Amino acid sequence: MTRLRQTLGNVFALGYLAICAGLLGWALVVAVVDDSGESMAGVVPLLATAPASLVVLALPDHYTMLVVAVAFGALVNATVIGWCARALRRSA
């Protein structure tokens, strides 16, 4: 658990999580405001958190599944970013 906290506590991982949260918030606001139902704003946070978010995207179609997919993808990718930053810091 300590290692995961160190990995996700990295400034690059936290920055990535903040960007993903902002994109998700923007997509949800656009989807709620758009009455036509043709908004493609949900694609942007999914692509920003791919490939892990695409695995969870196969779940039933609802706004909550978009949130789950983006949150899962963002956490997986932030963990990888943190591990890479930690490895690069060790090798330097």
C-alpha atoms as a PDB file:
ATOM      1  CA  MET A   1       0.000   0.000   0.000  1.00  0.00           C
ATOM      2  CA  THR A   2       2.891   2.361   0.725  1.00  0.00           C
ATOM      3  CA  ARG A   3       4.376   1.723  -2.695  1.00  0.00           C
ATOM      4  CA  LEU A   4       1.065   2.480  -4.366  1.00  0.00           C
ATOM      5  CA  ARG A   5       0.766   5.687  -2.357  1.00  0.00           C
ATOM      6  CA  GLN A   6       4.266   6.710  -3.436  1.00  0.00           C
ATOM      7  CA  THR A   7       3.466   5.879  -7.041  1.00  0.00           C
ATOM      8  CA  LEU A   8       0.204   7.814  -7.129  1.00  0.00           C
ATOM      9  CA  GLY A   9       1.729  10.616  -5.061  1.00  0.00           C
ATOM     10  CA  ASN A  10       4.133  11.483  -7.853  1.00  0.00           C
ATOM     11  CA  VAL A  11       3.609  14.973  -9.276  1.00  0.00           C
ATOM     12  CA  PHE A  12       3.243  13.650 -12.831  1.00  0.00           C
ATOM     13  CA  ALA A  13       0.676  11.040 -11.798  1.00  0.00           C
ATOM     14  CA  LEU A  14      -1.293  13.621  -9.811  1.00  0.00           C
ATOM     15  CA  GLY A  15      -1.202  16.017 -12.752  1.00  0.00           C
ATOM     16  CA  TYR A  16      -2.519  13.302 -15.053  1.00  0.00           C
ATOM     17  CA  LEU A  17      -5.312  12.479 -12.601  1.00  0.00           C
ATOM     18  CA  ALA A  18      -6.253  16.170 -12.383  1.00  0.00           C
ATOM     19  CA  ILE A  19      -6.419  16.456 -16.178  1.00  0.00           C
ATOM     20  CA  CYS A  20      -8.566  13.315 -16.406  1.00  0.00           C
ATOM     21  CA  ALA A  21     -10.910  14.596 -13.698  1.00  0.00           C
ATOM     22  CA  GLY A  22     -11.260  17.897 -15.541  1.00  0.00           C
ATOM     23  CA  LEU A  23     -11.992  16.153 -18.835  1.00  0.00           C
ATOM     24  CA  LEU A  24     -14.574  13.922 -17.183  1.00  0.00           C
ATOM     25  CA  GLY A  25     -16.274  16.875 -15.513  1.00  0.00           C
ATOM     26  CA  TRP A  26     -16.365  18.761 -18.809  1.00  0.00           C
ATOM     27  CA  ALA A  27     -17.806  15.742 -20.649  1.00  0.00           C
ATOM     28  CA  LEU A  28     -20.526  15.238 -18.061  1.00  0.00           C
ATOM     29  CA  VAL A  29     -21.533  18.912 -18.130  1.00  0.00           C
ATOM     30  CA  VAL A  30     -21.673  18.911 -21.933  1.00  0.00           C
ATOM     31  CA  ALA A  31     -23.694  15.681 -21.963  1.00  0.00           C
ATOM     32  CA  VAL A  32     -26.207  17.029 -19.439  1.00  0.00           C
ATOM     33  CA  VAL A  33     -26.600  20.403 -21.178  1.00  0.00           C
ATOM     34  CA  ASP A  34     -26.958  18.872 -24.664  1.00  0.00           C
ATOM     35  CA  ASP A  35     -30.617  17.897 -25.108  1.00  0.00           C
ATOM     36  CA  SER A  36     -30.194  16.264 -28.511  1.00  0.00           C
ATOM     37  CA  GLY A  37     -28.347  13.234 -27.151  1.00  0.00           C
ATOM     38  CA  GLU A  38     -25.767  13.492 -29.931  1.00  0.00           C
ATOM     39  CA  SER A  39     -22.870  14.743 -27.820  1.00  0.00           C
ATOM     40  CA  MET A  40     -19.572  12.965 -28.414  1.00  0.00           C
ATOM     41  CA  ALA A  41     -17.874  14.662 -25.458  1.00  0.00           C
ATOM     42  CA  GLY A  42     -17.624  11.345 -23.595  1.00  0.00           C
ATOM     43  CA  VAL A  43     -15.111  10.108 -26.157  1.00  0.00           C
ATOM     44  CA  VAL A  44     -12.445  12.615 -25.093  1.00  0.00           C
ATOM     45  CA  PRO A  45     -11.929  11.345 -21.509  1.00  0.00           C
ATOM     46  CA  LEU A  46     -12.135   7.744 -22.734  1.00  0.00           C
ATOM     47  CA  LEU A  47      -9.340   8.343 -25.221  1.00  0.00           C
ATOM     48  CA  ALA A  48      -7.290  10.192 -22.587  1.00  0.00           C
ATOM     49  CA  THR A  49      -7.486   7.147 -20.304  1.00  0.00           C
ATOM     50  CA  ALA A  50      -7.135   4.430 -22.956  1.00  0.00           C
ATOM     51  CA  PRO A  51      -6.347   1.503 -23.102  1.00  0.00           C
ATOM     52  CA  ALA A  52      -7.554   0.543 -19.616  1.00  0.00           C
ATOM     53  CA  SER A  53     -10.804   2.511 -19.887  1.00  0.00           C
ATOM     54  CA  LEU A  54     -11.747   0.675 -23.069  1.00  0.00           C
ATOM     55  CA  VAL A  55     -11.763  -2.625 -21.167  1.00  0.00           C
ATOM     56  CA  VAL A  56     -14.397  -1.374 -18.718  1.00  0.00           C
ATOM     57  CA  LEU A  57     -16.361   0.401 -21.454  1.00  0.00           C
ATOM     58  CA  ALA A  58     -18.049  -2.899 -22.400  1.00  0.00           C
ATOM     59  CA  LEU A  59     -20.216  -2.594 -19.277  1.00  0.00           C
ATOM     60  CA  PRO A  60     -23.895  -1.548 -19.598  1.00  0.00           C
ATOM     61  CA  ASP A  61     -24.575   1.821 -21.205  1.00  0.00           C
ATOM     62  CA  HIS A  62     -25.152   4.555 -18.616  1.00  0.00           C
ATOM     63  CA  TYR A  63     -23.367   7.710 -17.435  1.00  0.00           C
ATOM     64  CA  THR A  64     -22.123   5.897 -14.342  1.00  0.00           C
ATOM     65  CA  MET A  65     -20.306   3.361 -16.509  1.00  0.00           C
ATOM     66  CA  LEU A  66     -18.526   6.232 -18.268  1.00  0.00           C
ATOM     67  CA  VAL A  67     -17.392   7.522 -14.875  1.00  0.00           C
ATOM     68  CA  VAL A  68     -16.262   4.033 -13.786  1.00  0.00           C
ATOM     69  CA  ALA A  69     -14.389   3.431 -17.055  1.00  0.00           C
ATOM     70  CA  VAL A  70     -12.594   6.782 -16.951  1.00  0.00           C
ATOM     71  CA  ALA A  71     -11.764   6.485 -13.240  1.00  0.00           C
ATOM     72  CA  PHE A  72     -10.387   2.966 -13.695  1.00  0.00           C
ATOM     73  CA  GLY A  73      -8.367   3.947 -16.753  1.00  0.00           C
ATOM     74  CA  ALA A  74      -7.022   7.072 -15.082  1.00  0.00           C
ATOM     75  CA  LEU A  75      -5.908   5.164 -11.978  1.00  0.00           C
ATOM     76  CA  VAL A  76      -4.209   2.440 -14.016  1.00  0.00           C
ATOM     77  CA  ASN A  77      -2.433   4.940 -16.257  1.00  0.00           C
ATOM     78  CA  ALA A  78      -1.446   7.174 -13.317  1.00  0.00           C
ATOM     79  CA  THR A  79       0.051   4.141 -11.602  1.00  0.00           C
ATOM     80  CA  VAL A  80       2.099   3.347 -14.712  1.00  0.00           C
ATOM     81  CA  ILE A  81       3.198   6.988 -14.979  1.00  0.00           C
ATOM     82  CA  GLY A  82       4.242   6.955 -11.322  1.00  0.00           C
ATOM     83  CA  TRP A  83       6.177   3.704 -11.727  1.00  0.00           C
ATOM     84  CA  CYS A  84       7.982   5.057 -14.780  1.00  0.00           C
ATOM     85  CA  ALA A  85       8.861   8.308 -13.012  1.00  0.00           C
ATOM     86  CA  ARG A  86      10.105   6.379  -9.998  1.00  0.00           C
ATOM     87  CA  ALA A  87      12.245   4.094 -12.175  1.00  0.00           C
ATOM     88  CA  LEU A  88      13.719   7.050 -14.042  1.00  0.00           C
ATOM     89  CA  ARG A  89      14.494   8.806 -10.756  1.00  0.00           C
ATOM     90  CA  ARG A  90      16.321   5.708  -9.504  1.00  0.00           C
ATOM     91  CA  SER A  91      18.405   5.322 -12.664  1.00  0.00           C
ATOM     92  CA  ALA A  92      19.489   8.966 -12.746  1.00  0.00           C
END
